[in-house]
Amino acid sequence: MRLAKGNDREALEKLFEKAYPRLLQAARFRLGPSLRARMDTLDLAQTAYHAAFRDLSKYQYAGKGSFQRWLLSILENKIRNSLEFFRAKRRDVRREVSLGAGEAVAAGVSPPLRILEIEDRERLEAAMDRLPESYREVLVNRYYLAMPWLEVGAHMQRSEEAAQMLCKRALHNLRAIFDAAQRPPPSRSK
């Protein structure tokens, strides 16, 4: 970190390689479905990452995982700014109506010529979207930001044990939603 703050190119690249994948995952799970249809998560993550490295001299080490948390706070600010933009009178996403099957095309999403990994990620994102906010938050804090349980609890204003129980319920619900999305639809017999 010291070398990266001193603009050492190799240190900056190593820091980027280590931190960027988690930032991208957090961007995917922090965006709700309506914003994800309007914003590219790659663009959002890159914008947040660019802002972080522009302001890297302002970062203060505060223990293990503090850099990831700092990045997430920048990401959340970008998301909040985007929400305010889209909630402006003429762009309020809460007033929109779903277009059904054609919605993906209308939102500018390319046809599903994707490999299995991408389809699994998309199903996981859809499953995460269906979870209550507290479930999404505990999963992101624990698994994407790698916060220790004590910190997860404090961040969510719960005890460490309560955060663990919440996470267990969140994982159970996520698995059920994900598995249900994986099952083929029942066949109709004539």
N, C-alpha and C. Protein backbone atom coordinates (compact mmCIF):
# COMPACT_ATOMS: atom_id res chain seq x y z
N MET A 1 0.84 -1.19 0.00
CA MET A 1 0.00 0.00 0.00
C MET A 1 0.88 1.25 0.00
N ARG A 2 1.94 1.20 0.79
CA ARG A 2 2.84 2.36 0.87
C ARG A 2 3.43 2.67 -0.52
N LEU A 3 3.87 1.61 -1.22
CA LEU A 3 4.43 1.79 -2.56
C LEU A 3 3.38 2.30 -3.54
N ALA A 4 2.16 1.75 -3.45
CA ALA A 4 1.08 2.19 -4.34
C ALA A 4 0.75 3.65 -4.10
N LYS A 5 0.74 4.07 -2.85
CA LYS A 5 0.46 5.47 -2.54
C LYS A 5 1.57 6.38 -3.06
N GLY A 6 2.78 5.79 -3.23
CA GLY A 6 3.90 6.54 -3.80
C GLY A 6 3.94 6.46 -5.32
N ASN A 7 2.85 6.00 -5.94
CA ASN A 7 2.72 5.88 -7.40
C ASN A 7 3.67 4.87 -8.02
N ASP A 8 4.04 3.83 -7.28
CA ASP A 8 4.83 2.74 -7.84
C ASP A 8 3.92 1.92 -8.74
N ARG A 9 4.21 1.90 -10.04
CA ARG A 9 3.32 1.27 -11.03
C ARG A 9 3.09 -0.21 -10.74
N GLU A 10 4.13 -0.95 -10.39
CA GLU A 10 3.99 -2.38 -10.11
C GLU A 10 3.11 -2.62 -8.88
N ALA A 11 3.30 -1.81 -7.85
CA ALA A 11 2.48 -1.94 -6.64
C ALA A 11 1.02 -1.60 -6.94
N LEU A 12 0.79 -0.57 -7.75
CA LEU A 12 -0.57 -0.20 -8.14
C LEU A 12 -1.24 -1.34 -8.91
N GLU A 13 -0.50 -1.98 -9.82
CA GLU A 13 -1.05 -3.09 -10.59
C GLU A 13 -1.39 -4.27 -9.69
N LYS A 14 -0.54 -4.58 -8.72
CA LYS A 14 -0.80 -5.70 -7.80
C LYS A 14 -2.03 -5.39 -6.95
N LEU A 15 -2.12 -4.17 -6.48
CA LEU A 15 -3.28 -3.77 -5.69
C LEU A 15 -4.55 -3.87 -6.53
N PHE A 16 -4.48 -3.43 -7.78
CA PHE A 16 -5.61 -3.52 -8.70
C PHE A 16 -6.03 -4.97 -8.90
N GLU A 17 -5.06 -5.86 -9.16
CA GLU A 17 -5.36 -7.28 -9.39
C GLU A 17 -6.04 -7.91 -8.18
N LYS A 18 -5.63 -7.49 -7.01
CA LYS A 18 -6.17 -8.08 -5.78
C LYS A 18 -7.56 -7.54 -5.43
N ALA A 19 -7.76 -6.24 -5.58
CA ALA A 19 -8.98 -5.61 -5.09
C ALA A 19 -10.10 -5.50 -6.12
N TYR A 20 -9.77 -5.40 -7.39
CA TYR A 20 -10.80 -5.13 -8.39
C TYR A 20 -11.86 -6.22 -8.52
N PRO A 21 -11.50 -7.51 -8.52
CA PRO A 21 -12.56 -8.53 -8.65
C PRO A 21 -13.64 -8.44 -7.58
N ARG A 22 -13.23 -8.16 -6.36
CA ARG A 22 -14.24 -8.03 -5.29
C ARG A 22 -15.08 -6.78 -5.46
N LEU A 23 -14.46 -5.71 -5.92
CA LEU A 23 -15.21 -4.48 -6.16
C LEU A 23 -16.25 -4.72 -7.25
N LEU A 24 -15.88 -5.44 -8.29
CA LEU A 24 -16.80 -5.75 -9.38
C LEU A 24 -17.95 -6.62 -8.87
N GLN A 25 -17.65 -7.62 -8.06
CA GLN A 25 -18.71 -8.46 -7.50
C GLN A 25 -19.64 -7.65 -6.63
N ALA A 26 -19.08 -6.78 -5.81
CA ALA A 26 -19.91 -5.95 -4.95
C ALA A 26 -20.80 -5.03 -5.80
N ALA A 27 -20.27 -4.51 -6.90
CA ALA A 27 -21.08 -3.66 -7.78
C ALA A 27 -22.25 -4.45 -8.34
N ARG A 28 -22.01 -5.71 -8.72
CA ARG A 28 -23.09 -6.53 -9.28
C ARG A 28 -24.18 -6.77 -8.25
N PHE A 29 -23.80 -6.99 -6.99
CA PHE A 29 -24.80 -7.34 -5.98
C PHE A 29 -25.41 -6.13 -5.30
N ARG A 30 -24.72 -5.00 -5.32
CA ARG A 30 -25.28 -3.80 -4.69
C ARG A 30 -26.31 -3.11 -5.57
N LEU A 31 -26.18 -3.25 -6.89
CA LEU A 31 -27.16 -2.64 -7.79
C LEU A 31 -28.44 -3.45 -7.75
N GLY A 32 -29.54 -2.80 -7.64
CA GLY A 32 -30.81 -3.49 -7.74
C GLY A 32 -31.11 -3.77 -9.21
N PRO A 33 -32.13 -4.56 -9.49
CA PRO A 33 -32.42 -4.92 -10.88
C PRO A 33 -32.75 -3.72 -11.77
N SER A 34 -33.43 -2.71 -11.23
CA SER A 34 -33.80 -1.57 -12.08
C SER A 34 -32.58 -0.76 -12.47
N LEU A 35 -31.63 -0.58 -11.56
CA LEU A 35 -30.41 0.15 -11.91
C LEU A 35 -29.50 -0.69 -12.79
N ARG A 36 -29.46 -2.00 -12.54
CA ARG A 36 -28.61 -2.87 -13.34
C ARG A 36 -29.04 -2.85 -14.81
N ALA A 37 -30.33 -2.62 -15.06
CA ALA A 37 -30.82 -2.54 -16.44
C ALA A 37 -30.36 -1.26 -17.13
N ARG A 38 -29.98 -0.25 -16.37
CA ARG A 38 -29.57 1.04 -16.92
C ARG A 38 -28.08 1.29 -16.88
N MET A 39 -27.40 0.58 -16.02
CA MET A 39 -25.97 0.83 -15.82
C MET A 39 -25.18 -0.45 -16.03
N ASP A 40 -24.04 -0.31 -16.60
CA ASP A 40 -23.15 -1.45 -16.75
C ASP A 40 -22.34 -1.58 -15.47
N THR A 41 -22.36 -2.76 -14.85
CA THR A 41 -21.63 -2.93 -13.59
C THR A 41 -20.13 -2.77 -13.79
N LEU A 42 -19.62 -3.13 -14.96
CA LEU A 42 -18.20 -2.91 -15.24
C LEU A 42 -17.86 -1.43 -15.22
N ASP A 43 -18.71 -0.62 -15.86
CA ASP A 43 -18.48 0.82 -15.87
C ASP A 43 -18.54 1.40 -14.46
N LEU A 44 -19.52 0.95 -13.69
CA LEU A 44 -19.66 1.43 -12.32
C LEU A 44 -18.43 1.08 -11.49
N ALA A 45 -17.99 -0.18 -11.56
CA ALA A 45 -16.81 -0.60 -10.80
C ALA A 45 -15.57 0.16 -11.24
N GLN A 46 -15.41 0.34 -12.55
CA GLN A 46 -14.24 1.06 -13.04
C GLN A 46 -14.26 2.53 -12.61
N THR A 47 -15.43 3.14 -12.62
CA THR A 47 -15.55 4.53 -12.18
C THR A 47 -15.19 4.67 -10.71
N ALA A 48 -15.69 3.73 -9.90
CA ALA A 48 -15.37 3.75 -8.46
C ALA A 48 -13.88 3.51 -8.25
N TYR A 49 -13.33 2.58 -9.00
CA TYR A 49 -11.91 2.26 -8.85
C TYR A 49 -11.04 3.43 -9.28
N HIS A 50 -11.42 4.08 -10.36
CA HIS A 50 -10.68 5.26 -10.83
C HIS A 50 -10.70 6.36 -9.76
N ALA A 51 -11.88 6.59 -9.18
CA ALA A 51 -12.00 7.60 -8.12
C ALA A 51 -11.13 7.23 -6.92
N ALA A 52 -11.09 5.94 -6.59
CA ALA A 52 -10.28 5.50 -5.45
C ALA A 52 -8.80 5.75 -5.70
N PHE A 53 -8.33 5.44 -6.89
CA PHE A 53 -6.91 5.64 -7.15
C PHE A 53 -6.56 7.11 -7.35
N ARG A 54 -7.52 7.89 -7.78
CA ARG A 54 -7.29 9.32 -7.86
C ARG A 54 -7.09 9.89 -6.45
N ASP A 55 -7.84 9.33 -5.49
CA ASP A 55 -7.80 9.82 -4.11
C ASP A 55 -7.04 8.88 -3.18
N LEU A 56 -6.18 8.03 -3.72
CA LEU A 56 -5.48 7.03 -2.91
C LEU A 56 -4.69 7.66 -1.76
N SER A 57 -4.19 8.86 -1.97
CA SER A 57 -3.41 9.52 -0.91
C SER A 57 -4.28 9.82 0.32
N LYS A 58 -5.60 9.85 0.16
CA LYS A 58 -6.51 10.12 1.28
C LYS A 58 -6.83 8.87 2.10
N TYR A 59 -6.53 7.69 1.54
CA TYR A 59 -6.83 6.44 2.24
C TYR A 59 -5.94 6.29 3.47
N GLN A 60 -6.56 5.89 4.58
CA GLN A 60 -5.84 5.63 5.83
C GLN A 60 -6.07 4.19 6.24
N TYR A 61 -5.00 3.45 6.42
CA TYR A 61 -5.11 2.05 6.84
C TYR A 61 -5.79 1.97 8.20
N ALA A 62 -6.80 1.09 8.30
CA ALA A 62 -7.54 0.93 9.56
C ALA A 62 -7.74 -0.54 9.87
N GLY A 63 -6.76 -1.36 9.55
CA GLY A 63 -6.85 -2.78 9.84
C GLY A 63 -7.16 -3.61 8.60
N LYS A 64 -7.13 -4.92 8.82
CA LYS A 64 -7.37 -5.85 7.72
C LYS A 64 -8.73 -5.60 7.08
N GLY A 65 -8.75 -5.55 5.77
CA GLY A 65 -9.99 -5.35 5.03
C GLY A 65 -10.41 -3.89 4.90
N SER A 66 -9.64 -2.98 5.48
CA SER A 66 -10.05 -1.57 5.44
C SER A 66 -9.99 -0.99 4.03
N PHE A 67 -9.07 -1.46 3.20
CA PHE A 67 -9.00 -0.95 1.84
C PHE A 67 -10.25 -1.37 1.06
N GLN A 68 -10.67 -2.64 1.21
CA GLN A 68 -11.89 -3.11 0.53
C GLN A 68 -13.10 -2.31 1.01
N ARG A 69 -13.18 -2.05 2.31
CA ARG A 69 -14.31 -1.28 2.83
C ARG A 69 -14.30 0.15 2.30
N TRP A 70 -13.10 0.72 2.17
CA TRP A 70 -12.96 2.06 1.63
C TRP A 70 -13.44 2.08 0.18
N LEU A 71 -13.02 1.08 -0.61
CA LEU A 71 -13.48 0.98 -1.99
C LEU A 71 -15.00 0.85 -2.06
N LEU A 72 -15.57 0.01 -1.16
CA LEU A 72 -17.02 -0.16 -1.16
C LEU A 72 -17.74 1.13 -0.83
N SER A 73 -17.19 1.92 0.06
CA SER A 73 -17.85 3.20 0.39
C SER A 73 -17.85 4.12 -0.82
N ILE A 74 -16.78 4.09 -1.62
CA ILE A 74 -16.74 4.89 -2.84
C ILE A 74 -17.78 4.35 -3.83
N LEU A 75 -17.84 3.03 -3.96
CA LEU A 75 -18.84 2.40 -4.84
C LEU A 75 -20.25 2.78 -4.42
N GLU A 76 -20.53 2.71 -3.13
CA GLU A 76 -21.87 3.05 -2.64
C GLU A 76 -22.22 4.51 -2.92
N ASN A 77 -21.24 5.39 -2.83
CA ASN A 77 -21.48 6.80 -3.18
C ASN A 77 -21.83 6.93 -4.66
N LYS A 78 -21.13 6.18 -5.51
CA LYS A 78 -21.43 6.20 -6.96
C LYS A 78 -22.85 5.68 -7.21
N ILE A 79 -23.23 4.62 -6.51
CA ILE A 79 -24.57 4.06 -6.67
C ILE A 79 -25.62 5.07 -6.20
N ARG A 80 -25.37 5.68 -5.05
CA ARG A 80 -26.31 6.68 -4.51
C ARG A 80 -26.48 7.85 -5.50
N ASN A 81 -25.36 8.30 -6.08
CA ASN A 81 -25.44 9.39 -7.07
C ASN A 81 -26.24 8.95 -8.29
N SER A 82 -26.05 7.72 -8.72
CA SER A 82 -26.79 7.20 -9.88
C SER A 82 -28.27 7.10 -9.57
N LEU A 83 -28.61 6.65 -8.36
CA LEU A 83 -30.02 6.58 -7.96
C LEU A 83 -30.66 7.95 -8.00
N GLU A 84 -29.95 8.94 -7.48
CA GLU A 84 -30.49 10.30 -7.49
C GLU A 84 -30.71 10.77 -8.92
N PHE A 85 -29.78 10.45 -9.81
CA PHE A 85 -29.92 10.84 -11.21
C PHE A 85 -31.14 10.19 -11.83
N PHE A 86 -31.31 8.88 -11.63
CA PHE A 86 -32.43 8.18 -12.26
C PHE A 86 -33.76 8.47 -11.58
N ARG A 87 -33.73 8.96 -10.36
CA ARG A 87 -34.97 9.31 -9.68
C ARG A 87 -35.42 10.73 -9.98
N ALA A 88 -34.65 11.43 -10.77
CA ALA A 88 -35.06 12.77 -11.17
C ALA A 88 -36.41 12.65 -11.86
N LYS A 89 -37.18 13.71 -11.85
CA LYS A 89 -38.58 13.68 -12.29
C LYS A 89 -38.84 12.88 -13.57
N ARG A 90 -38.08 13.08 -14.61
CA ARG A 90 -38.36 12.43 -15.89
C ARG A 90 -37.74 11.04 -16.00
N ARG A 91 -36.88 10.66 -15.05
CA ARG A 91 -36.19 9.38 -15.17
C ARG A 91 -36.51 8.46 -14.00
N ASP A 92 -37.51 8.75 -13.22
CA ASP A 92 -37.79 8.00 -12.01
C ASP A 92 -38.08 6.53 -12.34
N VAL A 93 -37.17 5.65 -11.94
CA VAL A 93 -37.31 4.22 -12.25
C VAL A 93 -38.49 3.59 -11.52
N ARG A 94 -38.96 4.21 -10.45
CA ARG A 94 -40.09 3.66 -9.71
C ARG A 94 -41.40 3.80 -10.49
N ARG A 95 -41.42 4.67 -11.50
CA ARG A 95 -42.63 4.89 -12.28
C ARG A 95 -42.67 4.05 -13.55
N GLU A 96 -41.65 3.26 -13.78
CA GLU A 96 -41.60 2.47 -15.02
C GLU A 96 -42.42 1.20 -14.92
N VAL A 97 -42.81 0.69 -16.06
CA VAL A 97 -43.59 -0.53 -16.16
C VAL A 97 -42.73 -1.56 -16.89
N SER A 98 -42.74 -2.79 -16.38
CA SER A 98 -41.98 -3.86 -17.00
C SER A 98 -42.54 -4.18 -18.38
N LEU A 99 -41.64 -4.48 -19.32
CA LEU A 99 -42.05 -4.82 -20.67
C LEU A 99 -42.14 -6.31 -20.89
N GLY A 100 -41.88 -7.09 -19.86
CA GLY A 100 -41.96 -8.55 -19.98
C GLY A 100 -40.78 -9.13 -20.71
N ALA A 101 -41.03 -10.08 -21.61
CA ALA A 101 -39.97 -10.82 -22.28
C ALA A 101 -39.06 -9.91 -23.10
N GLY A 102 -39.58 -8.84 -23.67
CA GLY A 102 -38.76 -7.95 -24.48
C GLY A 102 -37.92 -6.98 -23.68
N GLU A 103 -38.04 -7.02 -22.37
CA GLU A 103 -37.35 -6.05 -21.53
C GLU A 103 -35.85 -6.09 -21.70
N ALA A 104 -35.26 -7.28 -21.82
CA ALA A 104 -33.81 -7.37 -21.96
C ALA A 104 -33.35 -6.66 -23.22
N VAL A 105 -34.08 -6.80 -24.30
CA VAL A 105 -33.71 -6.14 -25.54
C VAL A 105 -33.87 -4.64 -25.40
N ALA A 106 -34.98 -4.21 -24.77
CA ALA A 106 -35.22 -2.79 -24.60
C ALA A 106 -34.14 -2.14 -23.74
N ALA A 107 -33.59 -2.89 -22.78
CA ALA A 107 -32.57 -2.35 -21.90
C ALA A 107 -31.19 -2.39 -22.54
N GLY A 108 -31.08 -2.91 -23.75
CA GLY A 108 -29.81 -2.91 -24.44
C GLY A 108 -28.94 -4.11 -24.12
N VAL A 109 -29.52 -5.16 -23.59
CA VAL A 109 -28.76 -6.36 -23.25
C VAL A 109 -28.65 -7.22 -24.50
N SER A 110 -27.45 -7.69 -24.79
CA SER A 110 -27.25 -8.51 -25.97
C SER A 110 -27.91 -9.87 -25.81
N PRO A 111 -28.16 -10.57 -26.91
CA PRO A 111 -28.77 -11.91 -26.84
C PRO A 111 -27.93 -12.86 -26.00
N PRO A 112 -28.57 -13.87 -25.43
CA PRO A 112 -27.86 -14.75 -24.49
C PRO A 112 -26.92 -15.75 -25.17
N LEU A 113 -25.86 -15.22 -25.76
CA LEU A 113 -24.82 -16.07 -26.33
C LEU A 113 -23.68 -16.09 -25.33
N ARG A 114 -23.92 -16.73 -24.19
CA ARG A 114 -22.97 -16.69 -23.08
C ARG A 114 -22.59 -18.08 -22.66
N ILE A 115 -21.44 -18.17 -22.00
CA ILE A 115 -21.01 -19.46 -21.47
C ILE A 115 -21.69 -19.72 -20.14
N LEU A 116 -21.64 -20.95 -19.67
CA LEU A 116 -22.35 -21.37 -18.47
C LEU A 116 -22.00 -20.51 -17.25
N GLU A 117 -20.74 -20.16 -17.08
CA GLU A 117 -20.33 -19.36 -15.92
C GLU A 117 -21.11 -18.05 -15.86
N ILE A 118 -21.25 -17.41 -16.99
CA ILE A 118 -21.97 -16.14 -17.04
C ILE A 118 -23.44 -16.35 -16.72
N GLU A 119 -24.03 -17.43 -17.24
CA GLU A 119 -25.43 -17.73 -16.95
C GLU A 119 -25.61 -17.99 -15.45
N ASP A 120 -24.67 -18.73 -14.83
CA ASP A 120 -24.74 -18.97 -13.40
C ASP A 120 -24.65 -17.66 -12.63
N ARG A 121 -23.74 -16.77 -13.04
CA ARG A 121 -23.61 -15.49 -12.36
C ARG A 121 -24.89 -14.69 -12.47
N GLU A 122 -25.50 -14.72 -13.64
CA GLU A 122 -26.74 -13.99 -13.84
C GLU A 122 -27.87 -14.57 -12.99
N ARG A 123 -27.92 -15.89 -12.88
CA ARG A 123 -28.95 -16.52 -12.03
C ARG A 123 -28.69 -16.16 -10.57
N LEU A 124 -27.42 -16.11 -10.19
CA LEU A 124 -27.08 -15.73 -8.82
C LEU A 124 -27.49 -14.27 -8.57
N GLU A 125 -27.22 -13.38 -9.52
CA GLU A 125 -27.63 -11.99 -9.38
C GLU A 125 -29.14 -11.88 -9.25
N ALA A 126 -29.86 -12.64 -10.06
CA ALA A 126 -31.33 -12.62 -9.99
C ALA A 126 -31.81 -13.15 -8.65
N ALA A 127 -31.15 -14.20 -8.16
CA ALA A 127 -31.52 -14.76 -6.85
C ALA A 127 -31.22 -13.74 -5.74
N MET A 128 -30.08 -13.07 -5.84
CA MET A 128 -29.74 -12.05 -4.84
C MET A 128 -30.76 -10.92 -4.85
N ASP A 129 -31.24 -10.56 -6.04
CA ASP A 129 -32.24 -9.48 -6.16
C ASP A 129 -33.53 -9.83 -5.43
N ARG A 130 -33.82 -11.10 -5.33
CA ARG A 130 -35.08 -11.53 -4.69
C ARG A 130 -34.96 -11.63 -3.17
N LEU A 131 -33.75 -11.53 -2.65
CA LEU A 131 -33.55 -11.59 -1.20
C LEU A 131 -33.92 -10.26 -0.55
N PRO A 132 -34.36 -10.30 0.71
CA PRO A 132 -34.56 -9.05 1.44
C PRO A 132 -33.22 -8.30 1.56
N GLU A 133 -33.29 -6.99 1.69
CA GLU A 133 -32.09 -6.15 1.77
C GLU A 133 -31.12 -6.61 2.85
N SER A 134 -31.62 -6.97 4.03
CA SER A 134 -30.72 -7.38 5.12
C SER A 134 -29.96 -8.65 4.76
N TYR A 135 -30.60 -9.56 4.03
CA TYR A 135 -29.93 -10.79 3.60
C TYR A 135 -28.83 -10.47 2.60
N ARG A 136 -29.14 -9.59 1.62
CA ARG A 136 -28.11 -9.20 0.65
C ARG A 136 -26.94 -8.54 1.35
N GLU A 137 -27.26 -7.65 2.28
CA GLU A 137 -26.20 -6.91 2.97
C GLU A 137 -25.28 -7.83 3.77
N VAL A 138 -25.83 -8.78 4.49
CA VAL A 138 -24.99 -9.67 5.29
C VAL A 138 -24.11 -10.53 4.39
N LEU A 139 -24.66 -10.99 3.27
CA LEU A 139 -23.87 -11.81 2.34
C LEU A 139 -22.75 -11.01 1.68
N VAL A 140 -23.04 -9.79 1.27
CA VAL A 140 -22.01 -8.95 0.66
C VAL A 140 -20.92 -8.63 1.68
N ASN A 141 -21.33 -8.24 2.88
CA ASN A 141 -20.34 -7.90 3.91
C ASN A 141 -19.43 -9.07 4.26
N ARG A 142 -20.02 -10.24 4.40
CA ARG A 142 -19.23 -11.40 4.83
C ARG A 142 -18.42 -12.03 3.70
N TYR A 143 -19.05 -12.24 2.55
CA TYR A 143 -18.39 -13.01 1.50
C TYR A 143 -17.69 -12.18 0.43
N TYR A 144 -18.15 -10.97 0.17
CA TYR A 144 -17.50 -10.17 -0.85
C TYR A 144 -16.53 -9.16 -0.27
N LEU A 145 -16.82 -8.68 0.94
CA LEU A 145 -15.91 -7.76 1.59
C LEU A 145 -15.03 -8.46 2.62
N ALA A 146 -15.33 -9.73 2.87
CA ALA A 146 -14.56 -10.56 3.80
C ALA A 146 -14.43 -9.92 5.18
N MET A 147 -15.50 -9.31 5.64
CA MET A 147 -15.50 -8.73 6.99
C MET A 147 -15.55 -9.84 8.02
N PRO A 148 -14.83 -9.69 9.13
CA PRO A 148 -14.98 -10.66 10.22
C PRO A 148 -16.39 -10.53 10.82
N TRP A 149 -16.85 -11.60 11.46
CA TRP A 149 -18.22 -11.61 11.98
C TRP A 149 -18.50 -10.45 12.92
N LEU A 150 -17.56 -10.13 13.77
CA LEU A 150 -17.76 -9.03 14.72
C LEU A 150 -18.03 -7.73 13.97
N GLU A 151 -17.29 -7.50 12.89
CA GLU A 151 -17.46 -6.29 12.10
C GLU A 151 -18.77 -6.31 11.32
N VAL A 152 -19.14 -7.47 10.79
CA VAL A 152 -20.43 -7.60 10.09
C VAL A 152 -21.55 -7.21 11.03
N GLY A 153 -21.51 -7.76 12.25
CA GLY A 153 -22.54 -7.44 13.24
C GLY A 153 -22.59 -5.96 13.57
N ALA A 154 -21.42 -5.37 13.80
CA ALA A 154 -21.35 -3.95 14.15
C ALA A 154 -21.87 -3.09 12.99
N HIS A 155 -21.49 -3.44 11.77
CA HIS A 155 -21.92 -2.69 10.59
C HIS A 155 -23.44 -2.74 10.43
N MET A 156 -24.03 -3.87 10.83
CA MET A 156 -25.48 -4.04 10.67
C MET A 156 -26.24 -3.76 11.96
N GLN A 157 -25.54 -3.27 12.96
CA GLN A 157 -26.12 -2.95 14.27
C GLN A 157 -26.78 -4.18 14.89
N ARG A 158 -26.02 -5.28 14.87
CA ARG A 158 -26.46 -6.55 15.45
C ARG A 158 -25.28 -7.14 16.21
N SER A 159 -25.56 -8.14 17.01
CA SER A 159 -24.47 -8.86 17.66
C SER A 159 -23.79 -9.75 16.63
N GLU A 160 -22.61 -10.23 16.98
CA GLU A 160 -21.88 -11.14 16.10
C GLU A 160 -22.71 -12.40 15.83
N GLU A 161 -23.31 -12.94 16.88
CA GLU A 161 -24.12 -14.15 16.75
C GLU A 161 -25.36 -13.91 15.89
N ALA A 162 -25.98 -12.75 16.06
CA ALA A 162 -27.17 -12.42 15.27
C ALA A 162 -26.80 -12.29 13.78
N ALA A 163 -25.64 -11.72 13.51
CA ALA A 163 -25.18 -11.61 12.12
C ALA A 163 -24.94 -12.99 11.52
N GLN A 164 -24.38 -13.90 12.31
CA GLN A 164 -24.14 -15.26 11.82
C GLN A 164 -25.46 -15.98 11.53
N MET A 165 -26.43 -15.82 12.39
CA MET A 165 -27.73 -16.45 12.17
C MET A 165 -28.42 -15.85 10.94
N LEU A 166 -28.34 -14.54 10.81
CA LEU A 166 -28.92 -13.88 9.65
C LEU A 166 -28.28 -14.40 8.37
N CYS A 167 -26.98 -14.57 8.39
CA CYS A 167 -26.26 -15.07 7.23
C CYS A 167 -26.68 -16.50 6.90
N LYS A 168 -26.85 -17.30 7.92
CA LYS A 168 -27.28 -18.69 7.71
C LYS A 168 -28.65 -18.72 7.04
N ARG A 169 -29.58 -17.87 7.51
CA ARG A 169 -30.91 -17.80 6.89
C ARG A 169 -30.81 -17.27 5.46
N ALA A 170 -29.94 -16.27 5.26
CA ALA A 170 -29.77 -15.69 3.93
C ALA A 170 -29.24 -16.73 2.95
N LEU A 171 -28.25 -17.51 3.38
CA LEU A 171 -27.70 -18.55 2.51
C LEU A 171 -28.74 -19.62 2.19
N HIS A 172 -29.53 -19.99 3.19
CA HIS A 172 -30.59 -20.98 2.98
C HIS A 172 -31.59 -20.48 1.93
N ASN A 173 -32.03 -19.23 2.08
CA ASN A 173 -32.98 -18.65 1.13
C ASN A 173 -32.37 -18.48 -0.26
N LEU A 174 -31.12 -18.05 -0.29
CA LEU A 174 -30.43 -17.88 -1.58
C LEU A 174 -30.34 -19.21 -2.31
N ARG A 175 -29.99 -20.27 -1.60
CA ARG A 175 -29.89 -21.61 -2.20
C ARG A 175 -31.24 -22.05 -2.75
N ALA A 176 -32.31 -21.82 -1.99
CA ALA A 176 -33.64 -22.22 -2.43
C ALA A 176 -34.04 -21.47 -3.70
N ILE A 177 -33.80 -20.17 -3.73
CA ILE A 177 -34.15 -19.37 -4.90
C ILE A 177 -33.30 -19.78 -6.10
N PHE A 178 -32.00 -19.96 -5.88
CA PHE A 178 -31.09 -20.34 -6.95
C PHE A 178 -31.45 -21.71 -7.52
N ASP A 179 -31.73 -22.66 -6.62
CA ASP A 179 -32.09 -24.01 -7.08
C ASP A 179 -33.41 -24.00 -7.83
N ALA A 180 -34.38 -23.21 -7.38
CA ALA A 180 -35.67 -23.14 -8.07
C ALA A 180 -35.50 -22.58 -9.47
N ALA A 181 -34.58 -21.66 -9.64
CA ALA A 181 -34.32 -21.07 -10.97
C ALA A 181 -33.62 -22.06 -11.88
N GLN A 182 -32.99 -23.07 -11.31
CA GLN A 182 -32.24 -24.05 -12.08
C GLN A 182 -33.13 -25.17 -12.59
N ARG A 183 -34.23 -25.43 -11.88
CA ARG A 183 -35.11 -26.52 -12.27
C ARG A 183 -35.83 -26.22 -13.57
N PRO A 184 -35.92 -27.21 -14.45
CA PRO A 184 -36.69 -26.98 -15.69
C PRO A 184 -38.17 -26.86 -15.35
N PRO A 185 -38.92 -26.09 -16.15
CA PRO A 185 -40.36 -25.97 -15.88
C PRO A 185 -41.04 -27.32 -16.04
N PRO A 186 -42.10 -27.58 -15.25
CA PRO A 186 -42.79 -28.86 -15.36
C PRO A 186 -43.38 -29.02 -16.76
N SER A 187 -43.29 -30.23 -17.27
CA SER A 187 -43.85 -30.48 -18.61
C SER A 187 -45.36 -30.66 -18.52
N ARG A 188 -46.01 -30.25 -19.57
CA ARG A 188 -47.48 -30.38 -19.62
C ARG A 188 -47.83 -31.63 -20.38
N SER A 189 -48.66 -32.43 -19.78
CA SER A 189 -49.11 -33.64 -20.49
C SER A 189 -50.50 -33.40 -21.06
N LYS A 190 -50.74 -33.97 -22.22
CA LYS A 190 -52.04 -33.77 -22.87
C LYS A 190 -52.95 -34.92 -22.63
